[in-house]
Amino acid sequence: MMNRPNPEQVAMSIEVIDEITSDPITRVEIRVAIFDMSAGRAPCVDGINADLLNADILTTSVDTLYHCFGKVWL
């Protein structure tokens, strides 16, 4: 197909992760992930979008997600 990229080029652009850490997530990682989310996009099925999380990123959003992730982290 002419409108698709060459599969060999796509395979070469895949990032390889050598090591995956099992350390618990940090508040800094959560803050960076929220900051990197695209603003103005439609929310997912949970109804939460980046604008909502960024509205109070320094306190409520990060702390709430940190405690939630801490409960489910194995």
N, C-alpha and C. Protein backbone atom coordinates (compact mmCIF):
# COMPACT_ATOMS: atom_id res chain seq x y z
N MET A 1 0.83 -1.17 0.00
CA MET A 1 0.00 0.00 0.00
C MET A 1 0.89 1.25 0.00
N MET A 2 0.52 2.19 -0.77
CA MET A 2 1.33 3.39 -0.90
C MET A 2 1.17 4.37 0.26
N ASN A 3 0.04 4.31 0.96
CA ASN A 3 -0.20 5.30 2.01
C ASN A 3 0.24 4.82 3.40
N ARG A 4 0.90 3.70 3.48
CA ARG A 4 1.38 3.18 4.76
C ARG A 4 2.90 3.26 4.82
N PRO A 5 3.43 3.47 6.04
CA PRO A 5 4.90 3.52 6.15
C PRO A 5 5.52 2.15 5.94
N ASN A 6 6.76 2.16 5.55
CA ASN A 6 7.51 0.93 5.34
C ASN A 6 7.62 0.21 6.68
N PRO A 7 7.20 -1.07 6.77
CA PRO A 7 7.25 -1.80 8.04
C PRO A 7 8.64 -1.88 8.65
N GLU A 8 9.67 -1.91 7.83
CA GLU A 8 11.03 -1.95 8.35
C GLU A 8 11.39 -0.65 9.06
N GLN A 9 10.90 0.47 8.56
CA GLN A 9 11.17 1.75 9.20
C GLN A 9 10.39 1.87 10.51
N VAL A 10 9.17 1.35 10.56
CA VAL A 10 8.36 1.39 11.77
C VAL A 10 9.00 0.55 12.85
N ALA A 11 9.48 -0.63 12.50
CA ALA A 11 10.11 -1.51 13.47
C ALA A 11 11.37 -0.89 14.06
N MET A 12 12.07 -0.11 13.29
CA MET A 12 13.29 0.51 13.78
C MET A 12 13.01 1.67 14.73
N SER A 13 11.80 2.25 14.69
CA SER A 13 11.50 3.40 15.52
C SER A 13 10.90 3.03 16.87
N ILE A 14 10.73 1.75 17.15
CA ILE A 14 10.16 1.30 18.41
C ILE A 14 11.21 1.40 19.50
N GLU A 15 10.82 2.03 20.62
CA GLU A 15 11.74 2.18 21.74
C GLU A 15 11.80 0.89 22.54
N VAL A 16 12.98 0.44 22.85
CA VAL A 16 13.17 -0.77 23.62
C VAL A 16 13.46 -0.39 25.07
N ILE A 17 12.70 -0.96 25.99
CA ILE A 17 12.90 -0.71 27.40
C ILE A 17 13.66 -1.90 27.98
N ASP A 18 14.86 -1.64 28.46
CA ASP A 18 15.70 -2.71 28.99
C ASP A 18 15.25 -3.16 30.37
N GLU A 19 14.82 -2.22 31.17
CA GLU A 19 14.47 -2.55 32.54
C GLU A 19 13.21 -1.80 32.95
N ILE A 20 12.28 -2.50 33.53
CA ILE A 20 11.07 -1.89 34.05
C ILE A 20 11.15 -1.94 35.57
N THR A 21 11.08 -0.78 36.18
CA THR A 21 11.20 -0.71 37.63
C THR A 21 9.90 -1.14 38.30
N SER A 22 10.02 -1.72 39.46
CA SER A 22 8.83 -2.11 40.22
C SER A 22 8.66 -1.21 41.44
N ASP A 23 9.43 -0.12 41.46
CA ASP A 23 9.31 0.84 42.56
C ASP A 23 7.94 1.51 42.50
N PRO A 24 7.40 1.87 43.66
CA PRO A 24 6.12 2.59 43.67
C PRO A 24 6.24 3.92 42.93
N ILE A 25 5.14 4.37 42.37
CA ILE A 25 5.11 5.63 41.64
C ILE A 25 5.30 6.78 42.62
N THR A 26 5.94 7.84 42.16
CA THR A 26 6.18 9.00 43.01
C THR A 26 5.24 10.14 42.64
N ARG A 27 5.12 11.10 43.55
CA ARG A 27 4.29 12.27 43.28
C ARG A 27 4.84 13.08 42.10
N VAL A 28 6.15 13.11 41.96
CA VAL A 28 6.77 13.82 40.84
C VAL A 28 6.38 13.18 39.51
N GLU A 29 6.39 11.85 39.44
CA GLU A 29 6.01 11.15 38.21
C GLU A 29 4.55 11.44 37.86
N ILE A 30 3.69 11.50 38.86
CA ILE A 30 2.28 11.79 38.62
C ILE A 30 2.13 13.22 38.10
N ARG A 31 2.83 14.17 38.74
CA ARG A 31 2.75 15.56 38.33
C ARG A 31 3.23 15.73 36.89
N VAL A 32 4.33 15.08 36.53
CA VAL A 32 4.87 15.17 35.17
C VAL A 32 3.88 14.56 34.17
N ALA A 33 3.27 13.43 34.52
CA ALA A 33 2.31 12.78 33.62
C ALA A 33 1.09 13.66 33.39
N ILE A 34 0.59 14.29 34.44
CA ILE A 34 -0.56 15.19 34.28
C ILE A 34 -0.19 16.39 33.43
N PHE A 35 0.98 16.96 33.69
CA PHE A 35 1.43 18.13 32.93
C PHE A 35 1.59 17.80 31.45
N ASP A 36 2.00 16.57 31.12
CA ASP A 36 2.23 16.17 29.73
C ASP A 36 0.94 15.81 28.98
N MET A 37 -0.18 15.71 29.70
CA MET A 37 -1.44 15.37 29.04
C MET A 37 -1.90 16.53 28.16
N SER A 38 -2.56 16.22 27.06
CA SER A 38 -3.04 17.24 26.13
C SER A 38 -4.28 17.93 26.68
N ALA A 39 -4.23 19.25 26.72
CA ALA A 39 -5.38 20.03 27.19
C ALA A 39 -6.41 20.16 26.08
N GLY A 40 -7.66 20.33 26.46
CA GLY A 40 -8.72 20.56 25.50
C GLY A 40 -9.23 19.31 24.81
N ARG A 41 -8.79 18.15 25.23
CA ARG A 41 -9.25 16.91 24.61
C ARG A 41 -10.47 16.39 25.35
N ALA A 42 -11.25 15.59 24.68
CA ALA A 42 -12.45 15.02 25.29
C ALA A 42 -12.07 14.06 26.40
N PRO A 43 -12.86 14.02 27.47
CA PRO A 43 -12.56 13.09 28.56
C PRO A 43 -12.78 11.65 28.15
N CYS A 44 -12.17 10.75 28.89
CA CYS A 44 -12.37 9.32 28.66
C CYS A 44 -13.70 8.90 29.28
N VAL A 45 -13.91 7.61 29.38
CA VAL A 45 -15.18 7.11 29.92
C VAL A 45 -15.40 7.51 31.37
N ASP A 46 -14.32 7.85 32.09
CA ASP A 46 -14.47 8.26 33.48
C ASP A 46 -14.87 9.73 33.61
N GLY A 47 -14.85 10.47 32.51
CA GLY A 47 -15.26 11.87 32.52
C GLY A 47 -14.18 12.83 33.00
N ILE A 48 -12.98 12.34 33.24
CA ILE A 48 -11.89 13.19 33.73
C ILE A 48 -10.97 13.53 32.57
N ASN A 49 -10.75 14.83 32.35
CA ASN A 49 -9.84 15.24 31.29
C ASN A 49 -8.63 15.96 31.89
N ALA A 50 -7.68 16.32 31.06
CA ALA A 50 -6.44 16.95 31.52
C ALA A 50 -6.71 18.30 32.17
N ASP A 51 -7.68 19.04 31.66
CA ASP A 51 -7.99 20.36 32.23
C ASP A 51 -8.44 20.24 33.68
N LEU A 52 -9.22 19.23 33.98
CA LEU A 52 -9.70 19.02 35.34
C LEU A 52 -8.53 18.68 36.27
N LEU A 53 -7.65 17.81 35.83
CA LEU A 53 -6.51 17.43 36.66
C LEU A 53 -5.53 18.58 36.84
N ASN A 54 -5.34 19.38 35.80
CA ASN A 54 -4.41 20.51 35.87
C ASN A 54 -4.94 21.66 36.70
N ALA A 55 -6.25 21.72 36.93
CA ALA A 55 -6.85 22.82 37.68
C ALA A 55 -6.29 22.89 39.11
N ASP A 56 -5.95 21.76 39.69
CA ASP A 56 -5.44 21.74 41.06
C ASP A 56 -4.30 20.72 41.15
N ILE A 57 -3.34 20.85 40.26
CA ILE A 57 -2.29 19.85 40.12
C ILE A 57 -1.38 19.76 41.34
N LEU A 58 -1.14 20.85 42.03
CA LEU A 58 -0.18 20.83 43.13
C LEU A 58 -0.70 20.20 44.40
N THR A 59 -2.00 20.06 44.53
CA THR A 59 -2.52 19.49 45.78
C THR A 59 -3.45 18.32 45.53
N THR A 60 -4.67 18.59 45.20
CA THR A 60 -5.69 17.56 45.15
C THR A 60 -5.42 16.47 44.11
N SER A 61 -5.13 16.84 42.88
CA SER A 61 -4.96 15.85 41.82
C SER A 61 -3.83 14.88 42.12
N VAL A 62 -2.66 15.41 42.45
CA VAL A 62 -1.49 14.57 42.68
C VAL A 62 -1.70 13.71 43.92
N ASP A 63 -2.16 14.30 45.02
CA ASP A 63 -2.35 13.53 46.25
C ASP A 63 -3.40 12.44 46.09
N THR A 64 -4.50 12.76 45.44
CA THR A 64 -5.56 11.77 45.24
C THR A 64 -5.06 10.60 44.40
N LEU A 65 -4.39 10.89 43.29
CA LEU A 65 -3.87 9.83 42.44
C LEU A 65 -2.76 9.05 43.13
N TYR A 66 -1.93 9.72 43.91
CA TYR A 66 -0.85 9.05 44.63
C TYR A 66 -1.42 8.00 45.60
N HIS A 67 -2.44 8.38 46.35
CA HIS A 67 -3.05 7.43 47.29
C HIS A 67 -3.77 6.30 46.56
N CYS A 68 -4.41 6.63 45.45
CA CYS A 68 -5.11 5.60 44.66
C CYS A 68 -4.10 4.60 44.09
N PHE A 69 -3.03 5.10 43.50
CA PHE A 69 -2.02 4.20 42.94
C PHE A 69 -1.33 3.38 44.03
N GLY A 70 -1.15 3.99 45.19
CA GLY A 70 -0.52 3.29 46.31
C GLY A 70 -1.34 2.09 46.78
N LYS A 71 -2.65 2.18 46.66
CA LYS A 71 -3.52 1.08 47.08
C LYS A 71 -3.51 -0.08 46.08
N VAL A 72 -3.28 0.20 44.81
CA VAL A 72 -3.34 -0.85 43.78
C VAL A 72 -1.97 -1.32 43.32
N TRP A 73 -0.89 -0.61 43.73
CA TRP A 73 0.45 -0.97 43.30
C TRP A 73 0.88 -2.28 43.93
N LEU A 74 1.36 -3.17 43.14
CA LEU A 74 1.77 -4.49 43.65
C LEU A 74 3.25 -4.58 43.78
